[in-house]
C-alpha atoms as a PDB file:
ATOM      1  CA  MET A   1     -52.636 -10.304  -6.698  1.00  0.00           C
ATOM      2  CA  PRO A   2     -48.668  -8.967  -5.682  1.00  0.00           C
ATOM      3  CA  SER A   3     -47.646  -5.073  -6.350  1.00  0.00           C
ATOM      4  CA  GLU A   4     -45.077  -6.806  -8.910  1.00  0.00           C
ATOM      5  CA  VAL A   5     -47.570  -8.200 -10.575  1.00  0.00           C
ATOM      6  CA  VAL A   6     -50.029  -5.497 -10.945  1.00  0.00           C
ATOM      7  CA  ILE A   7     -46.587  -3.200 -12.169  1.00  0.00           C
ATOM      8  CA  VAL A   8     -45.772  -5.649 -14.921  1.00  0.00           C
ATOM      9  CA  VAL A   9     -49.464  -6.055 -16.460  1.00  0.00           C
ATOM     10  CA  LEU A  10     -49.345  -1.895 -16.443  1.00  0.00           C
ATOM     11  CA  ILE A  11     -46.424  -1.930 -18.713  1.00  0.00           C
ATOM     12  CA  ALA A  12     -47.531  -5.023 -20.795  1.00  0.00           C
ATOM     13  CA  LEU A  13     -50.469  -2.997 -21.361  1.00  0.00           C
ATOM     14  CA  ALA A  14     -48.872   0.123 -22.166  1.00  0.00           C
ATOM     15  CA  GLY A  15     -46.758  -1.438 -24.633  1.00  0.00           C
ATOM     16  CA  PHE A  16     -50.186  -2.800 -25.790  1.00  0.00           C
ATOM     17  CA  LEU A  17     -51.246   0.601 -26.345  1.00  0.00           C
ATOM     18  CA  LEU A  18     -48.070   1.858 -27.489  1.00  0.00           C
ATOM     19  CA  GLY A  19     -48.227  -0.624 -30.438  1.00  0.00           C
ATOM     20  CA  GLY A  20     -52.373   0.312 -30.933  1.00  0.00           C
ATOM     21  CA  VAL A  21     -51.024   3.720 -31.336  1.00  0.00           C
ATOM     22  CA  TYR A  22     -48.253   3.161 -33.505  1.00  0.00           C
ATOM     23  CA  THR A  23     -50.709   0.774 -35.845  1.00  0.00           C
ATOM     24  CA  SER A  24     -53.050   3.467 -36.164  1.00  0.00           C
ATOM     25  CA  TRP A  25     -51.503   6.650 -36.786  1.00  0.00           C
ATOM     26  CA  LYS A  26     -51.465   6.553 -40.543  1.00  0.00           C
ATOM     27  CA  THR A  27     -55.820   5.745 -40.368  1.00  0.00           C
ATOM     28  CA  ALA A  28     -57.214   7.016 -37.813  1.00  0.00           C
ATOM     29  CA  LYS A  29     -55.527  10.703 -35.540  1.00  0.00           C
ATOM     30  CA  GLY A  30     -58.257  10.560 -33.838  1.00  0.00           C
ATOM     31  CA  MET A  31     -58.353   6.899 -32.396  1.00  0.00           C
ATOM     32  CA  ALA A  32     -54.396   7.085 -31.955  1.00  0.00           C
ATOM     33  CA  MET A  33     -54.276  10.408 -29.329  1.00  0.00           C
ATOM     34  CA  VAL A  34     -56.772   8.493 -27.385  1.00  0.00           C
ATOM     35  CA  LEU A  35     -54.717   5.411 -27.507  1.00  0.00           C
ATOM     36  CA  LEU A  36     -51.555   7.379 -26.846  1.00  0.00           C
ATOM     37  CA  VAL A  37     -53.224   9.200 -23.327  1.00  0.00           C
ATOM     38  CA  ALA A  38     -54.416   5.566 -22.075  1.00  0.00           C
ATOM     39  CA  ALA A  39     -51.161   4.322 -23.037  1.00  0.00           C
ATOM     40  CA  VAL A  40     -49.182   7.460 -20.915  1.00  0.00           C
ATOM     41  CA  LEU A  41     -52.239   6.336 -18.139  1.00  0.00           C
ATOM     42  CA  ALA A  42     -50.938   3.394 -17.466  1.00  0.00           C
ATOM     43  CA  ALA A  43     -46.660   3.807 -17.439  1.00  0.00           C
ATOM     44  CA  GLY A  44     -48.016   6.822 -15.150  1.00  0.00           C
ATOM     45  CA  GLY A  45     -49.658   4.501 -13.097  1.00  0.00           C
ATOM     46  CA  ALA A  46     -46.811   1.642 -13.471  1.00  0.00           C
ATOM     47  CA  ALA A  47     -44.489   4.270 -12.629  1.00  0.00           C
ATOM     48  CA  VAL A  48     -46.831   5.709  -9.431  1.00  0.00           C
ATOM     49  CA  TRP A  49     -47.284   2.423  -8.054  1.00  0.00           C
ATOM     50  CA  TRP A  50     -43.951   1.085  -8.455  1.00  0.00           C
ATOM     51  CA  PHE A  51     -42.652   4.633  -6.433  1.00  0.00           C
ATOM     52  CA  SER A  52     -45.404   3.894  -3.806  1.00  0.00           C
ATOM     53  CA  LEU A  53     -43.537   0.729  -2.452  1.00  0.00           C
END
């Protein structure tokens, strides 16, 4: 799989997870925090992957 595809997939995953954070914030703050951490890790992974090219 090309590196660019991995970067795009990680960014899309981060966006999907951020949508989950937005949706679940009022009802389940604990789960929203877990999703937020996962989104930050996905975005950070995409950034590291991009800058390592």
